[in-house]
Amino acid sequence: MPEHSFKKWERIRKKKEFDRVFSQGRRGNSRFFSWVMAPNGEGKTRFGIVAGRKVGHAVRRNRIKRLLREVFRLNKKRFPAGYDIIVIVKRGIPALSYNDVVKEIADLFTEGINDSKISQ
């Protein structure tokens, strides 16, 4: 089960790291989330989440972030290797179940990465 852990080095935590991804990354959108991804030069995938106050109160934001971390933790191998990925939660997101989040993120990355939804 260690391959399903979510280690510190797999997280984007510092403002400098977030800023680099936002300035150099490619972007995509779905109904409830946006994403930005940039190569990190390390060959390993790292994950960050942005959920601003406009998403809702702290309990709601934290639940969404927990769901997103769980999706990443259990599906790491499906994300492209060597990238820093930031998922941005959009305002007005409804209460989603785990399965809803999995489907939305899967659609976001399978359709978005190879599609014209990507912008530089």
PDB file of N, CA and C in Angstrom:
ATOM      1  N   MET A   1       0.797  -1.206   0.000  1.00  0.00           N
ATOM      2  CA  MET A   1       0.000   0.000   0.000  1.00  0.00           C
ATOM      3  C   MET A   1       0.846   1.280   0.000  1.00  0.00           C
ATOM      4  N   PRO A   2       2.155   1.246   0.188  1.00  0.00           N
ATOM      5  CA  PRO A   2       2.941   2.479   0.192  1.00  0.00           C
ATOM      6  C   PRO A   2       2.826   3.274  -1.107  1.00  0.00           C
ATOM      7  N   GLU A   3       2.554   2.624  -2.236  1.00  0.00           N
ATOM      8  CA  GLU A   3       2.446   3.359  -3.493  1.00  0.00           C
ATOM      9  C   GLU A   3       1.220   4.267  -3.511  1.00  0.00           C
ATOM     10  N   HIS A   4       0.307   4.073  -2.568  1.00  0.00           N
ATOM     11  CA  HIS A   4      -0.882   4.917  -2.489  1.00  0.00           C
ATOM     12  C   HIS A   4      -0.733   6.050  -1.487  1.00  0.00           C
ATOM     13  N   SER A   5       0.466   6.235  -0.951  1.00  0.00           N
ATOM     14  CA  SER A   5       0.654   7.343  -0.016  1.00  0.00           C
ATOM     15  C   SER A   5       0.754   8.658  -0.790  1.00  0.00           C
ATOM     16  N   PHE A   6       0.686   9.754  -0.077  1.00  0.00           N
ATOM     17  CA  PHE A   6       0.794  11.081  -0.687  1.00  0.00           C
ATOM     18  C   PHE A   6       1.867  11.836   0.085  1.00  0.00           C
ATOM     19  N   LYS A   7       3.089  11.708  -0.385  1.00  0.00           N
ATOM     20  CA  LYS A   7       4.249  12.225   0.330  1.00  0.00           C
ATOM     21  C   LYS A   7       4.391  13.734   0.167  1.00  0.00           C
ATOM     22  N   LYS A   8       5.192  14.325   1.062  1.00  0.00           N
ATOM     23  CA  LYS A   8       5.408  15.777   1.018  1.00  0.00           C
ATOM     24  C   LYS A   8       5.995  16.226  -0.306  1.00  0.00           C
ATOM     25  N   TRP A   9       6.932  15.467  -0.852  1.00  0.00           N
ATOM     26  CA  TRP A   9       7.576  15.884  -2.105  1.00  0.00           C
ATOM     27  C   TRP A   9       6.618  15.798  -3.291  1.00  0.00           C
ATOM     28  N   GLU A  10       5.470  15.151  -3.122  1.00  0.00           N
ATOM     29  CA  GLU A  10       4.474  15.059  -4.196  1.00  0.00           C
ATOM     30  C   GLU A  10       3.506  16.247  -4.190  1.00  0.00           C
ATOM     31  N   ARG A  11       3.685  17.154  -3.256  1.00  0.00           N
ATOM     32  CA  ARG A  11       2.803  18.310  -3.131  1.00  0.00           C
ATOM     33  C   ARG A  11       3.517  19.574  -3.579  1.00  0.00           C
ATOM     34  N   ILE A  12       2.795  20.463  -4.193  1.00  0.00           N
ATOM     35  CA  ILE A  12       3.306  21.802  -4.480  1.00  0.00           C
ATOM     36  C   ILE A  12       2.870  22.642  -3.284  1.00  0.00           C
ATOM     37  N   ARG A  13       3.848  23.182  -2.551  1.00  0.00           N
ATOM     38  CA  ARG A  13       3.508  23.860  -1.307  1.00  0.00           C
ATOM     39  C   ARG A  13       3.954  25.314  -1.254  1.00  0.00           C
ATOM     40  N   LYS A  14       5.027  25.654  -1.910  1.00  0.00           N
ATOM     41  CA  LYS A  14       5.591  26.999  -1.769  1.00  0.00           C
ATOM     42  C   LYS A  14       5.027  27.947  -2.825  1.00  0.00           C
ATOM     43  N   LYS A  15       4.902  29.209  -2.429  1.00  0.00           N
ATOM     44  CA  LYS A  15       4.386  30.231  -3.339  1.00  0.00           C
ATOM     45  C   LYS A  15       5.228  30.312  -4.605  1.00  0.00           C
ATOM     46  N   LYS A  16       6.534  30.193  -4.466  1.00  0.00           N
ATOM     47  CA  LYS A  16       7.439  30.254  -5.617  1.00  0.00           C
ATOM     48  C   LYS A  16       7.127  29.135  -6.616  1.00  0.00           C
ATOM     49  N   GLU A  17       6.815  27.948  -6.114  1.00  0.00           N
ATOM     50  CA  GLU A  17       6.478  26.818  -6.985  1.00  0.00           C
ATOM     51  C   GLU A  17       5.143  27.057  -7.695  1.00  0.00           C
ATOM     52  N   PHE A  18       4.148  27.563  -6.952  1.00  0.00           N
ATOM     53  CA  PHE A  18       2.859  27.878  -7.569  1.00  0.00           C
ATOM     54  C   PHE A  18       3.037  28.943  -8.649  1.00  0.00           C
ATOM     55  N   ASP A  19       3.805  29.993  -8.336  1.00  0.00           N
ATOM     56  CA  ASP A  19       4.024  31.080  -9.298  1.00  0.00           C
ATOM     57  C   ASP A  19       4.688  30.577 -10.577  1.00  0.00           C
ATOM     58  N   ARG A  20       5.665  29.674 -10.444  1.00  0.00           N
ATOM     59  CA  ARG A  20       6.353  29.130 -11.619  1.00  0.00           C
ATOM     60  C   ARG A  20       5.375  28.369 -12.510  1.00  0.00           C
ATOM     61  N   VAL A  21       4.541  27.538 -11.906  1.00  0.00           N
ATOM     62  CA  VAL A  21       3.573  26.761 -12.692  1.00  0.00           C
ATOM     63  C   VAL A  21       2.574  27.697 -13.371  1.00  0.00           C
ATOM     64  N   PHE A  22       2.074  28.692 -12.645  1.00  0.00           N
ATOM     65  CA  PHE A  22       1.111  29.627 -13.232  1.00  0.00           C
ATOM     66  C   PHE A  22       1.719  30.426 -14.375  1.00  0.00           C
ATOM     67  N   SER A  23       2.989  30.788 -14.271  1.00  0.00           N
ATOM     68  CA  SER A  23       3.594  31.609 -15.325  1.00  0.00           C
ATOM     69  C   SER A  23       4.043  30.787 -16.531  1.00  0.00           C
ATOM     70  N   GLN A  24       4.458  29.539 -16.336  1.00  0.00           N
ATOM     71  CA  GLN A  24       5.005  28.731 -17.427  1.00  0.00           C
ATOM     72  C   GLN A  24       4.060  27.648 -17.931  1.00  0.00           C
ATOM     73  N   GLY A  25       2.946  27.433 -17.233  1.00  0.00           N
ATOM     74  CA  GLY A  25       2.138  26.256 -17.500  1.00  0.00           C
ATOM     75  C   GLY A  25       1.119  26.382 -18.605  1.00  0.00           C
ATOM     76  N   ARG A  26       0.649  25.213 -19.050  1.00  0.00           N
ATOM     77  CA  ARG A  26      -0.474  25.108 -19.983  1.00  0.00           C
ATOM     78  C   ARG A  26      -1.743  25.009 -19.157  1.00  0.00           C
ATOM     79  N   ARG A  27      -2.863  25.443 -19.735  1.00  0.00           N
ATOM     80  CA  ARG A  27      -4.110  25.517 -18.982  1.00  0.00           C
ATOM     81  C   ARG A  27      -5.230  24.734 -19.660  1.00  0.00           C
ATOM     82  N   GLY A  28      -6.180  24.316 -18.845  1.00  0.00           N
ATOM     83  CA  GLY A  28      -7.367  23.644 -19.344  1.00  0.00           C
ATOM     84  C   GLY A  28      -8.526  23.877 -18.393  1.00  0.00           C
ATOM     85  N   ASN A  29      -9.735  23.587 -18.838  1.00  0.00           N
ATOM     86  CA  ASN A  29     -10.942  23.854 -18.050  1.00  0.00           C
ATOM     87  C   ASN A  29     -11.933  22.712 -18.136  1.00  0.00           C
ATOM     88  N   SER A  30     -12.746  22.598 -17.093  1.00  0.00           N
ATOM     89  CA  SER A  30     -13.924  21.741 -17.110  1.00  0.00           C
ATOM     90  C   SER A  30     -15.042  22.513 -16.418  1.00  0.00           C
ATOM     91  N   ARG A  31     -16.151  21.863 -16.145  1.00  0.00           N
ATOM     92  CA  ARG A  31     -17.271  22.561 -15.512  1.00  0.00           C
ATOM     93  C   ARG A  31     -16.927  23.082 -14.121  1.00  0.00           C
ATOM     94  N   PHE A  32     -16.245  22.270 -13.318  1.00  0.00           N
ATOM     95  CA  PHE A  32     -16.024  22.613 -11.917  1.00  0.00           C
ATOM     96  C   PHE A  32     -14.582  22.957 -11.581  1.00  0.00           C
ATOM     97  N   PHE A  33     -13.645  22.605 -12.460  1.00  0.00           N
ATOM     98  CA  PHE A  33     -12.229  22.810 -12.173  1.00  0.00           C
ATOM     99  C   PHE A  33     -11.511  23.401 -13.380  1.00  0.00           C
ATOM    100  N   SER A  34     -10.418  24.092 -13.094  1.00  0.00           N
ATOM    101  CA  SER A  34      -9.447  24.480 -14.113  1.00  0.00           C
ATOM    102  C   SER A  34      -8.136  23.837 -13.695  1.00  0.00           C
ATOM    103  N   TRP A  35      -7.234  23.670 -14.624  1.00  0.00           N
ATOM    104  CA  TRP A  35      -5.925  23.136 -14.262  1.00  0.00           C
ATOM    105  C   TRP A  35      -4.828  23.882 -14.987  1.00  0.00           C
ATOM    106  N   VAL A  36      -3.662  23.855 -14.371  1.00  0.00           N
ATOM    107  CA  VAL A  36      -2.455  24.412 -14.962  1.00  0.00           C
ATOM    108  C   VAL A  36      -1.374  23.373 -14.729  1.00  0.00           C
ATOM    109  N   MET A  37      -0.612  23.063 -15.781  1.00  0.00           N
ATOM    110  CA  MET A  37       0.481  22.102 -15.595  1.00  0.00           C
ATOM    111  C   MET A  37       1.721  22.582 -16.321  1.00  0.00           C
ATOM    112  N   ALA A  38       2.866  22.331 -15.687  1.00  0.00           N
ATOM    113  CA  ALA A  38       4.144  22.737 -16.260  1.00  0.00           C
ATOM    114  C   ALA A  38       5.168  21.652 -15.963  1.00  0.00           C
ATOM    115  N   PRO A  39       6.105  21.402 -16.885  1.00  0.00           N
ATOM    116  CA  PRO A  39       7.157  20.422 -16.618  1.00  0.00           C
ATOM    117  C   PRO A  39       7.985  20.872 -15.418  1.00  0.00           C
ATOM    118  N   ASN A  40       8.379  19.910 -14.585  1.00  0.00           N
ATOM    119  CA  ASN A  40       9.159  20.275 -13.406  1.00  0.00           C
ATOM    120  C   ASN A  40      10.621  19.855 -13.497  1.00  0.00           C
ATOM    121  N   GLY A  41      10.994  19.087 -14.522  1.00  0.00           N
ATOM    122  CA  GLY A  41      12.381  18.684 -14.691  1.00  0.00           C
ATOM    123  C   GLY A  41      12.848  17.629 -13.711  1.00  0.00           C
ATOM    124  N   GLU A  42      11.953  17.111 -12.885  1.00  0.00           N
ATOM    125  CA  GLU A  42      12.323  16.111 -11.886  1.00  0.00           C
ATOM    126  C   GLU A  42      11.891  14.705 -12.281  1.00  0.00           C
ATOM    127  N   GLY A  43      11.044  14.580 -13.281  1.00  0.00           N
ATOM    128  CA  GLY A  43      10.564  13.270 -13.693  1.00  0.00           C
ATOM    129  C   GLY A  43       9.485  12.702 -12.790  1.00  0.00           C
ATOM    130  N   LYS A  44       9.050  13.480 -11.796  1.00  0.00           N
ATOM    131  CA  LYS A  44       8.006  13.021 -10.882  1.00  0.00           C
ATOM    132  C   LYS A  44       6.856  14.016 -10.911  1.00  0.00           C
ATOM    133  N   THR A  45       5.664  13.507 -10.708  1.00  0.00           N
ATOM    134  CA  THR A  45       4.480  14.346 -10.732  1.00  0.00           C
ATOM    135  C   THR A  45       4.231  14.930  -9.350  1.00  0.00           C
ATOM    136  N   ARG A  46       3.936  16.230  -9.314  1.00  0.00           N
ATOM    137  CA  ARG A  46       3.563  16.888  -8.064  1.00  0.00           C
ATOM    138  C   ARG A  46       2.211  17.560  -8.265  1.00  0.00           C
ATOM    139  N   PHE A  47       1.480  17.745  -7.174  1.00  0.00           N
ATOM    140  CA  PHE A  47       0.087  18.157  -7.244  1.00  0.00           C
ATOM    141  C   PHE A  47      -0.179  19.294  -6.265  1.00  0.00           C
ATOM    142  N   GLY A  48      -0.922  20.305  -6.709  1.00  0.00           N
ATOM    143  CA  GLY A  48      -1.338  21.403  -5.841  1.00  0.00           C
ATOM    144  C   GLY A  48      -2.794  21.743  -6.093  1.00  0.00           C
ATOM    145  N   ILE A  49      -3.420  22.340  -5.094  1.00  0.00           N
ATOM    146  CA  ILE A  49      -4.839  22.683  -5.181  1.00  0.00           C
ATOM    147  C   ILE A  49      -5.013  24.139  -4.778  1.00  0.00           C
ATOM    148  N   VAL A  50      -5.866  24.848  -5.524  1.00  0.00           N
ATOM    149  CA  VAL A  50      -6.235  26.214  -5.175  1.00  0.00           C
ATOM    150  C   VAL A  50      -7.752  26.247  -5.033  1.00  0.00           C
ATOM    151  N   ALA A  51      -8.215  26.625  -3.839  1.00  0.00           N
ATOM    152  CA  ALA A  51      -9.646  26.777  -3.583  1.00  0.00           C
ATOM    153  C   ALA A  51      -9.829  28.071  -2.801  1.00  0.00           C
ATOM    154  N   GLY A  52     -10.167  29.135  -3.498  1.00  0.00           N
ATOM    155  CA  GLY A  52     -10.309  30.445  -2.872  1.00  0.00           C
ATOM    156  C   GLY A  52     -11.566  30.567  -2.035  1.00  0.00           C
ATOM    157  N   ARG A  53     -11.668  31.664  -1.300  1.00  0.00           N
ATOM    158  CA  ARG A  53     -12.814  31.874  -0.415  1.00  0.00           C
ATOM    159  C   ARG A  53     -14.134  31.974  -1.165  1.00  0.00           C
ATOM    160  N   LYS A  54     -14.095  32.336  -2.430  1.00  0.00           N
ATOM    161  CA  LYS A  54     -15.337  32.443  -3.200  1.00  0.00           C
ATOM    162  C   LYS A  54     -15.971  31.079  -3.459  1.00  0.00           C
ATOM    163  N   VAL A  55     -15.212  30.015  -3.246  1.00  0.00           N
ATOM    164  CA  VAL A  55     -15.739  28.654  -3.419  1.00  0.00           C
ATOM    165  C   VAL A  55     -16.745  28.348  -2.318  1.00  0.00           C
ATOM    166  N   GLY A  56     -16.540  28.896  -1.135  1.00  0.00           N
ATOM    167  CA  GLY A  56     -17.442  28.651  -0.018  1.00  0.00           C
ATOM    168  C   GLY A  56     -16.702  28.753   1.296  1.00  0.00           C
ATOM    169  N   HIS A  57     -17.393  28.411   2.358  1.00  0.00           N
ATOM    170  CA  HIS A  57     -16.778  28.483   3.676  1.00  0.00           C
ATOM    171  C   HIS A  57     -15.706  27.408   3.830  1.00  0.00           C
ATOM    172  N   ALA A  58     -14.951  27.488   4.910  1.00  0.00           N
ATOM    173  CA  ALA A  58     -13.775  26.631   5.088  1.00  0.00           C
ATOM    174  C   ALA A  58     -14.114  25.144   5.044  1.00  0.00           C
ATOM    175  N   VAL A  59     -15.219  24.764   5.640  1.00  0.00           N
ATOM    176  CA  VAL A  59     -15.589  23.344   5.662  1.00  0.00           C
ATOM    177  C   VAL A  59     -15.770  22.828   4.236  1.00  0.00           C
ATOM    178  N   ARG A  60     -16.436  23.601   3.417  1.00  0.00           N
ATOM    179  CA  ARG A  60     -16.678  23.216   2.015  1.00  0.00           C
ATOM    180  C   ARG A  60     -15.370  23.152   1.224  1.00  0.00           C
ATOM    181  N   ARG A  61     -14.530  24.188   1.360  1.00  0.00           N
ATOM    182  CA  ARG A  61     -13.238  24.206   0.651  1.00  0.00           C
ATOM    183  C   ARG A  61     -12.376  23.021   1.064  1.00  0.00           C
ATOM    184  N   ASN A  62     -12.319  22.758   2.352  1.00  0.00           N
ATOM    185  CA  ASN A  62     -11.481  21.659   2.835  1.00  0.00           C
ATOM    186  C   ASN A  62     -11.988  20.311   2.348  1.00  0.00           C
ATOM    187  N   ARG A  63     -13.294  20.131   2.276  1.00  0.00           N
ATOM    188  CA  ARG A  63     -13.839  18.864   1.772  1.00  0.00           C
ATOM    189  C   ARG A  63     -13.461  18.654   0.310  1.00  0.00           C
ATOM    190  N   ILE A  64     -13.582  19.702  -0.481  1.00  0.00           N
ATOM    191  CA  ILE A  64     -13.222  19.599  -1.899  1.00  0.00           C
ATOM    192  C   ILE A  64     -11.737  19.290  -2.046  1.00  0.00           C
ATOM    193  N   LYS A  65     -10.905  19.958  -1.240  1.00  0.00           N
ATOM    194  CA  LYS A  65      -9.464  19.702  -1.311  1.00  0.00           C
ATOM    195  C   LYS A  65      -9.135  18.277  -0.885  1.00  0.00           C
ATOM    196  N   ARG A  66      -9.817  17.768   0.140  1.00  0.00           N
ATOM    197  CA  ARG A  66      -9.596  16.370   0.557  1.00  0.00           C
ATOM    198  C   ARG A  66      -9.967  15.406  -0.565  1.00  0.00           C
ATOM    199  N   LEU A  67     -11.094  15.654  -1.219  1.00  0.00           N
ATOM    200  CA  LEU A  67     -11.507  14.795  -2.333  1.00  0.00           C
ATOM    201  C   LEU A  67     -10.479  14.829  -3.465  1.00  0.00           C
ATOM    202  N   LEU A  68      -9.990  16.014  -3.812  1.00  0.00           N
ATOM    203  CA  LEU A  68      -8.997  16.125  -4.890  1.00  0.00           C
ATOM    204  C   LEU A  68      -7.694  15.427  -4.524  1.00  0.00           C
ATOM    205  N   ARG A  69      -7.237  15.595  -3.284  1.00  0.00           N
ATOM    206  CA  ARG A  69      -6.012  14.904  -2.858  1.00  0.00           C
ATOM    207  C   ARG A  69      -6.189  13.390  -2.923  1.00  0.00           C
ATOM    208  N   GLU A  70      -7.362  12.914  -2.542  1.00  0.00           N
ATOM    209  CA  GLU A  70      -7.629  11.478  -2.576  1.00  0.00           C
ATOM    210  C   GLU A  70      -7.634  10.956  -4.015  1.00  0.00           C
ATOM    211  N   VAL A  71      -8.228  11.706  -4.925  1.00  0.00           N
ATOM    212  CA  VAL A  71      -8.216  11.312  -6.340  1.00  0.00           C
ATOM    213  C   VAL A  71      -6.779  11.220  -6.838  1.00  0.00           C
ATOM    214  N   PHE A  72      -5.967  12.215  -6.520  1.00  0.00           N
ATOM    215  CA  PHE A  72      -4.569  12.185  -6.952  1.00  0.00           C
ATOM    216  C   PHE A  72      -3.822  11.017  -6.307  1.00  0.00           C
ATOM    217  N   ARG A  73      -4.016  10.829  -5.012  1.00  0.00           N
ATOM    218  CA  ARG A  73      -3.302   9.782  -4.277  1.00  0.00           C
ATOM    219  C   ARG A  73      -3.582   8.398  -4.866  1.00  0.00           C
ATOM    220  N   LEU A  74      -4.821   8.135  -5.205  1.00  0.00           N
ATOM    221  CA  LEU A  74      -5.192   6.806  -5.692  1.00  0.00           C
ATOM    222  C   LEU A  74      -4.984   6.630  -7.195  1.00  0.00           C
ATOM    223  N   ASN A  75      -4.761   7.715  -7.932  1.00  0.00           N
ATOM    224  CA  ASN A  75      -4.644   7.638  -9.391  1.00  0.00           C
ATOM    225  C   ASN A  75      -3.373   8.284  -9.909  1.00  0.00           C
ATOM    226  N   LYS A  76      -2.329   8.333  -9.096  1.00  0.00           N
ATOM    227  CA  LYS A  76      -1.073   9.010  -9.466  1.00  0.00           C
ATOM    228  C   LYS A  76      -0.528   8.569 -10.806  1.00  0.00           C
ATOM    229  N   LYS A  77      -0.596   7.297 -11.066  1.00  0.00           N
ATOM    230  CA  LYS A  77       0.024   6.758 -12.277  1.00  0.00           C
ATOM    231  C   LYS A  77      -0.701   7.199 -13.550  1.00  0.00           C
ATOM    232  N   ARG A  78      -1.925   7.675 -13.418  1.00  0.00           N
ATOM    233  CA  ARG A  78      -2.683   8.135 -14.587  1.00  0.00           C
ATOM    234  C   ARG A  78      -2.324   9.558 -15.003  1.00  0.00           C
ATOM    235  N   PHE A  79      -1.680  10.306 -14.114  1.00  0.00           N
ATOM    236  CA  PHE A  79      -1.289  11.677 -14.430  1.00  0.00           C
ATOM    237  C   PHE A  79       0.042  11.658 -15.162  1.00  0.00           C
ATOM    238  N   PRO A  80       0.290  12.629 -16.035  1.00  0.00           N
ATOM    239  CA  PRO A  80       1.550  12.644 -16.786  1.00  0.00           C
ATOM    240  C   PRO A  80       2.748  12.821 -15.852  1.00  0.00           C
ATOM    241  N   ALA A  81       3.798  12.026 -16.064  1.00  0.00           N
ATOM    242  CA  ALA A  81       4.993  12.080 -15.215  1.00  0.00           C
ATOM    243  C   ALA A  81       5.828  13.312 -15.554  1.00  0.00           C
ATOM    244  N   GLY A  82       6.502  13.835 -14.544  1.00  0.00           N
ATOM    245  CA  GLY A  82       7.408  14.957 -14.753  1.00  0.00           C
ATOM    246  C   GLY A  82       6.730  16.313 -14.828  1.00  0.00           C
ATOM    247  N   TYR A  83       5.523  16.411 -14.306  1.00  0.00           N
ATOM    248  CA  TYR A  83       4.781  17.673 -14.355  1.00  0.00           C
ATOM    249  C   TYR A  83       4.349  18.099 -12.957  1.00  0.00           C
ATOM    250  N   ASP A  84       4.287  19.407 -12.768  1.00  0.00           N
ATOM    251  CA  ASP A  84       3.612  19.990 -11.617  1.00  0.00           C
ATOM    252  C   ASP A  84       2.213  20.340 -12.091  1.00  0.00           C
ATOM    253  N   ILE A  85       1.209  19.863 -11.364  1.00  0.00           N
ATOM    254  CA  ILE A  85      -0.185  20.052 -11.756  1.00  0.00           C
ATOM    255  C   ILE A  85      -0.907  20.800 -10.643  1.00  0.00           C
ATOM    256  N   ILE A  86      -1.572  21.877 -11.009  1.00  0.00           N
ATOM    257  CA  ILE A  86      -2.385  22.625 -10.053  1.00  0.00           C
ATOM    258  C   ILE A  86      -3.827  22.565 -10.527  1.00  0.00           C
ATOM    259  N   VAL A  87      -4.724  22.159  -9.630  1.00  0.00           N
ATOM    260  CA  VAL A  87      -6.154  22.144  -9.922  1.00  0.00           C
ATOM    261  C   VAL A  87      -6.782  23.317  -9.180  1.00  0.00           C
ATOM    262  N   ILE A  88      -7.537  24.126  -9.902  1.00  0.00           N
ATOM    263  CA  ILE A  88      -8.187  25.304  -9.345  1.00  0.00           C
ATOM    264  C   ILE A  88      -9.684  25.018  -9.278  1.00  0.00           C
ATOM    265  N   VAL A  89     -10.238  25.135  -8.085  1.00  0.00           N
ATOM    266  CA  VAL A  89     -11.662  24.886  -7.889  1.00  0.00           C
ATOM    267  C   VAL A  89     -12.425  26.143  -8.298  1.00  0.00           C
ATOM    268  N   LYS A  90     -13.432  25.963  -9.145  1.00  0.00           N
ATOM    269  CA  LYS A  90     -14.214  27.111  -9.619  1.00  0.00           C
ATOM    270  C   LYS A  90     -15.312  27.480  -8.621  1.00  0.00           C
ATOM    271  N   ARG A  91     -15.679  28.738  -8.657  1.00  0.00           N
ATOM    272  CA  ARG A  91     -16.752  29.248  -7.808  1.00  0.00           C
ATOM    273  C   ARG A  91     -18.071  28.591  -8.198  1.00  0.00           C
ATOM    274  N   GLY A  92     -18.933  28.357  -7.224  1.00  0.00           N
ATOM    275  CA  GLY A  92     -20.251  27.809  -7.509  1.00  0.00           C
ATOM    276  C   GLY A  92     -20.272  26.302  -7.689  1.00  0.00           C
ATOM    277  N   ILE A  93     -19.215  25.622  -7.291  1.00  0.00           N
ATOM    278  CA  ILE A  93     -19.163  24.167  -7.419  1.00  0.00           C
ATOM    279  C   ILE A  93     -20.196  23.543  -6.472  1.00  0.00           C
ATOM    280  N   PRO A  94     -21.005  22.607  -6.949  1.00  0.00           N
ATOM    281  CA  PRO A  94     -21.981  21.965  -6.062  1.00  0.00           C
ATOM    282  C   PRO A  94     -21.283  20.949  -5.154  1.00  0.00           C
ATOM    283  N   ALA A  95     -22.023  20.422  -4.204  1.00  0.00           N
ATOM    284  CA  ALA A  95     -21.483  19.367  -3.343  1.00  0.00           C
ATOM    285  C   ALA A  95     -21.309  18.122  -4.210  1.00  0.00           C
ATOM    286  N   LEU A  96     -20.070  17.702  -4.389  1.00  0.00           N
ATOM    287  CA  LEU A  96     -19.771  16.565  -5.255  1.00  0.00           C
ATOM    288  C   LEU A  96     -19.398  15.348  -4.429  1.00  0.00           C
ATOM    289  N   SER A  97     -19.742  14.177  -4.936  1.00  0.00           N
ATOM    290  CA  SER A  97     -19.294  12.940  -4.305  1.00  0.00           C
ATOM    291  C   SER A  97     -17.900  12.601  -4.828  1.00  0.00           C
ATOM    292  N   TYR A  98     -17.279  11.624  -4.199  1.00  0.00           N
ATOM    293  CA  TYR A  98     -15.956  11.182  -4.638  1.00  0.00           C
ATOM    294  C   TYR A  98     -16.003  10.748  -6.101  1.00  0.00           C
ATOM    295  N   ASN A  99     -17.022   9.977  -6.481  1.00  0.00           N
ATOM    296  CA  ASN A  99     -17.133   9.487  -7.861  1.00  0.00           C
ATOM    297  C   ASN A  99     -17.317  10.630  -8.860  1.00  0.00           C
ATOM    298  N   ASP A 100     -18.047  11.675  -8.464  1.00  0.00           N
ATOM    299  CA  ASP A 100     -18.201  12.846  -9.332  1.00  0.00           C
ATOM    300  C   ASP A 100     -16.854  13.515  -9.577  1.00  0.00           C
ATOM    301  N   VAL A 101     -16.060  13.640  -8.508  1.00  0.00           N
ATOM    302  CA  VAL A 101     -14.750  14.283  -8.633  1.00  0.00           C
ATOM    303  C   VAL A 101     -13.831  13.432  -9.503  1.00  0.00           C
ATOM    304  N   VAL A 102     -13.845  12.116  -9.317  1.00  0.00           N
ATOM    305  CA  VAL A 102     -13.013  11.224 -10.134  1.00  0.00           C
ATOM    306  C   VAL A 102     -13.370  11.384 -11.604  1.00  0.00           C
ATOM    307  N   LYS A 103     -14.661  11.374 -11.918  1.00  0.00           N
ATOM    308  CA  LYS A 103     -15.087  11.503 -13.312  1.00  0.00           C
ATOM    309  C   LYS A 103     -14.676  12.859 -13.888  1.00  0.00           C
ATOM    310  N   GLU A 104     -14.887  13.916 -13.128  1.00  0.00           N
ATOM    311  CA  GLU A 104     -14.558  15.262 -13.604  1.00  0.00           C
ATOM    312  C   GLU A 104     -13.058  15.407 -13.855  1.00  0.00           C
ATOM    313  N   ILE A 105     -12.240  14.913 -12.937  1.00  0.00           N
ATOM    314  CA  ILE A 105     -10.784  15.013 -13.095  1.00  0.00           C
ATOM    315  C   ILE A 105     -10.320  14.119 -14.238  1.00  0.00           C
ATOM    316  N   ALA A 106     -10.895  12.922 -14.353  1.00  0.00           N
ATOM    317  CA  ALA A 106     -10.516  12.036 -15.461  1.00  0.00           C
ATOM    318  C   ALA A 106     -10.844  12.690 -16.800  1.00  0.00           C
ATOM    319  N   ASP A 107     -12.033  13.277 -16.906  1.00  0.00           N
ATOM    320  CA  ASP A 107     -12.411  13.974 -18.141  1.00  0.00           C
ATOM    321  C   ASP A 107     -11.489  15.156 -18.402  1.00  0.00           C
ATOM    322  N   LEU A 108     -11.173  15.862 -17.353  1.00  0.00           N
ATOM    323  CA  LEU A 108     -10.318  17.044 -17.477  1.00  0.00           C
ATOM    324  C   LEU A 108      -8.964  16.681 -18.060  1.00  0.00           C
ATOM    325  N   PHE A 109      -8.389  15.581 -17.598  1.00  0.00           N
ATOM    326  CA  PHE A 109      -7.047  15.234 -18.048  1.00  0.00           C
ATOM    327  C   PHE A 109      -7.028  14.368 -19.297  1.00  0.00           C
ATOM    328  N   THR A 110      -8.018  13.526 -19.516  1.00  0.00           N
ATOM    329  CA  THR A 110      -7.985  12.720 -20.738  1.00  0.00           C
ATOM    330  C   THR A 110      -8.389  13.543 -21.949  1.00  0.00           C
ATOM    331  N   GLU A 111      -9.428  14.353 -21.823  1.00  0.00           N
ATOM    332  CA  GLU A 111      -9.854  15.180 -22.950  1.00  0.00           C
ATOM    333  C   GLU A 111      -8.988  16.424 -23.070  1.00  0.00           C
ATOM    334  N   GLY A 112      -8.663  17.019 -21.941  1.00  0.00           N
ATOM    335  CA  GLY A 112      -7.982  18.305 -21.943  1.00  0.00           C
ATOM    336  C   GLY A 112      -6.551  18.276 -22.397  1.00  0.00           C
ATOM    337  N   ILE A 113      -5.793  17.283 -22.022  1.00  0.00           N
ATOM    338  CA  ILE A 113      -4.367  17.270 -22.334  1.00  0.00           C
ATOM    339  C   ILE A 113      -4.127  17.114 -23.825  1.00  0.00           C
ATOM    340  N   ASN A 114      -4.936  16.336 -24.498  1.00  0.00           N
ATOM    341  CA  ASN A 114      -4.724  16.092 -25.923  1.00  0.00           C
ATOM    342  C   ASN A 114      -5.675  16.892 -26.801  1.00  0.00           C
ATOM    343  N   ASP A 115      -6.312  17.883 -26.247  1.00  0.00           N
ATOM    344  CA  ASP A 115      -7.383  18.571 -26.951  1.00  0.00           C
ATOM    345  C   ASP A 115      -7.021  20.031 -27.193  1.00  0.00           C
ATOM    346  N   SER A 116      -7.875  20.700 -27.905  1.00  0.00           N
ATOM    347  CA  SER A 116      -7.647  22.120 -28.163  1.00  0.00           C
ATOM    348  C   SER A 116      -8.032  22.972 -26.961  1.00  0.00           C
ATOM    349  N   LYS A 117      -8.506  22.352 -25.878  1.00  0.00           N
ATOM    350  CA  LYS A 117      -8.833  23.103 -24.676  1.00  0.00           C
ATOM    351  C   LYS A 117      -7.575  23.651 -24.011  1.00  0.00           C
ATOM    352  N   ILE A 118      -6.428  23.150 -24.393  1.00  0.00           N
ATOM    353  CA  ILE A 118      -5.176  23.576 -23.784  1.00  0.00           C
ATOM    354  C   ILE A 118      -4.763  24.909 -24.366  1.00  0.00           C
ATOM    355  N   SER A 119      -4.412  25.820 -23.489  1.00  0.00           N
ATOM    356  CA  SER A 119      -3.870  27.096 -23.942  1.00  0.00           C
ATOM    357  C   SER A 119      -2.524  27.312 -23.285  1.00  0.00           C
ATOM    358  N   GLN A 120      -1.695  28.054 -23.939  1.00  0.00           N
ATOM    359  CA  GLN A 120      -0.351  28.312 -23.406  1.00  0.00           C
ATOM    360  C   GLN A 120      -0.369  29.521 -22.506  1.00  0.00           C
TER     361      GLN A 120
END
